[in-house]
Amino acid sequence: MSKMLKPGINVKPGSSKENKTGSWRNYYPKFDHAKCIACGTCETYCPEGIIFGDKEHKYDADLDYCKGCGICANICPVKCIEMLLEVR
């Protein structure tokens, strides 16, 4: 077996930051800032670390890197994130 490749996962978590992976997603998150309670749960659970909050605690995702997994929408306690179909 090659020393370069090992069985199992060959990339590190958060590796989408190195490659723009948002171009192949089917859904993207839309944040309703009026409903958001700024708990930060979406930011915590995002597997790629691409959700961020501003000084006013309004959260958004960097869509260049979002894979559209929907974890943020599923975990949001007030359901202020909606997954919308990507139209290209």
Protein backbone atom coordinates (compact mmCIF):
# COMPACT_ATOMS: atom_id res chain seq x y z
CA MET A 1 0.00 0.00 0.00
CA SER A 2 1.23 3.48 -0.82
CA LYS A 3 2.48 5.61 2.06
CA MET A 4 0.60 8.55 0.56
CA LEU A 5 -2.87 7.02 0.83
CA LYS A 6 -4.24 5.36 3.92
CA PRO A 7 -7.54 3.54 4.22
CA GLY A 8 -10.42 5.66 5.49
CA ILE A 9 -10.76 9.42 5.36
CA ASN A 10 -8.00 11.17 3.45
CA VAL A 11 -8.97 14.77 4.16
CA LYS A 12 -9.08 16.81 7.33
CA PRO A 13 -12.35 18.21 8.75
CA GLY A 14 -12.97 21.71 7.47
CA SER A 15 -11.08 21.01 4.24
CA SER A 16 -13.77 22.77 2.18
CA LYS A 17 -12.10 26.04 3.23
CA GLU A 18 -9.20 25.04 0.98
CA ASN A 19 -11.49 24.28 -1.98
CA LYS A 20 -14.64 26.12 -3.05
CA THR A 21 -17.08 23.28 -2.53
CA GLY A 22 -20.28 25.34 -2.76
CA SER A 23 -20.52 24.95 -6.52
CA TRP A 24 -21.94 21.43 -6.36
CA ARG A 25 -24.56 21.75 -3.61
CA ASN A 26 -28.30 21.28 -4.26
CA TYR A 27 -29.60 23.35 -1.33
CA TYR A 28 -28.36 26.44 0.47
CA PRO A 29 -29.28 27.97 3.85
CA LYS A 30 -31.30 31.19 4.05
CA PHE A 31 -31.21 32.87 7.46
CA ASP A 32 -34.22 34.78 8.83
CA HIS A 33 -32.43 37.39 10.94
CA ALA A 34 -35.71 38.60 12.51
CA LYS A 35 -36.34 35.18 14.09
CA CYS A 36 -32.72 34.47 15.07
CA ILE A 37 -32.01 34.49 18.82
CA ALA A 38 -28.22 34.57 18.27
CA CYS A 39 -27.61 31.33 20.19
CA GLY A 40 -24.71 30.33 17.91
CA THR A 41 -25.88 26.72 17.61
CA CYS A 42 -25.67 26.80 13.81
CA GLU A 43 -22.09 28.10 13.97
CA THR A 44 -21.14 25.40 16.48
CA TYR A 45 -22.61 22.48 14.55
CA CYS A 46 -21.55 23.49 11.02
CA PRO A 47 -19.14 20.71 9.98
CA GLU A 48 -17.19 23.04 7.70
CA GLY A 49 -17.02 26.07 9.99
CA ILE A 50 -18.39 28.47 7.39
CA ILE A 51 -21.22 30.03 9.43
CA PHE A 52 -20.31 33.29 11.08
CA GLY A 53 -21.98 36.02 13.12
CA ASP A 54 -21.45 39.76 12.91
CA LYS A 55 -21.35 42.31 15.74
CA GLU A 56 -25.15 42.39 15.78
CA HIS A 57 -25.25 38.59 16.11
CA LYS A 58 -26.76 38.07 12.68
CA TYR A 59 -25.55 34.78 11.28
CA ASP A 60 -24.88 33.88 7.65
CA ALA A 61 -23.02 31.19 5.74
CA ASP A 62 -20.18 31.67 3.30
CA LEU A 63 -21.94 30.16 0.29
CA ASP A 64 -18.68 29.71 -1.64
CA TYR A 65 -17.88 26.91 0.79
CA CYS A 66 -21.30 25.71 2.02
CA LYS A 67 -22.04 22.13 0.95
CA GLY A 68 -25.76 22.43 1.67
CA CYS A 69 -25.88 19.60 4.21
CA GLY A 70 -28.71 21.24 6.19
CA ILE A 71 -27.31 20.49 9.63
CA CYS A 72 -27.64 24.16 10.58
CA ALA A 73 -31.34 24.23 9.63
CA ASN A 74 -32.07 20.97 11.45
CA ILE A 75 -30.28 22.00 14.65
CA CYS A 76 -31.62 25.58 14.89
CA PRO A 77 -33.89 25.76 17.98
CA VAL A 78 -36.12 28.50 16.51
CA LYS A 79 -36.06 27.22 12.91
CA CYS A 80 -34.81 30.51 11.45
CA ILE A 81 -32.77 28.72 8.76
CA GLU A 82 -34.52 27.45 5.67
CA MET A 83 -32.83 25.23 3.09
CA LEU A 84 -33.70 26.49 -0.38
CA LEU A 85 -33.21 24.72 -3.69
CA GLU A 86 -30.15 25.99 -5.57
CA VAL A 87 -31.12 27.41 -8.96
CA ARG A 88 -28.33 27.67 -11.50
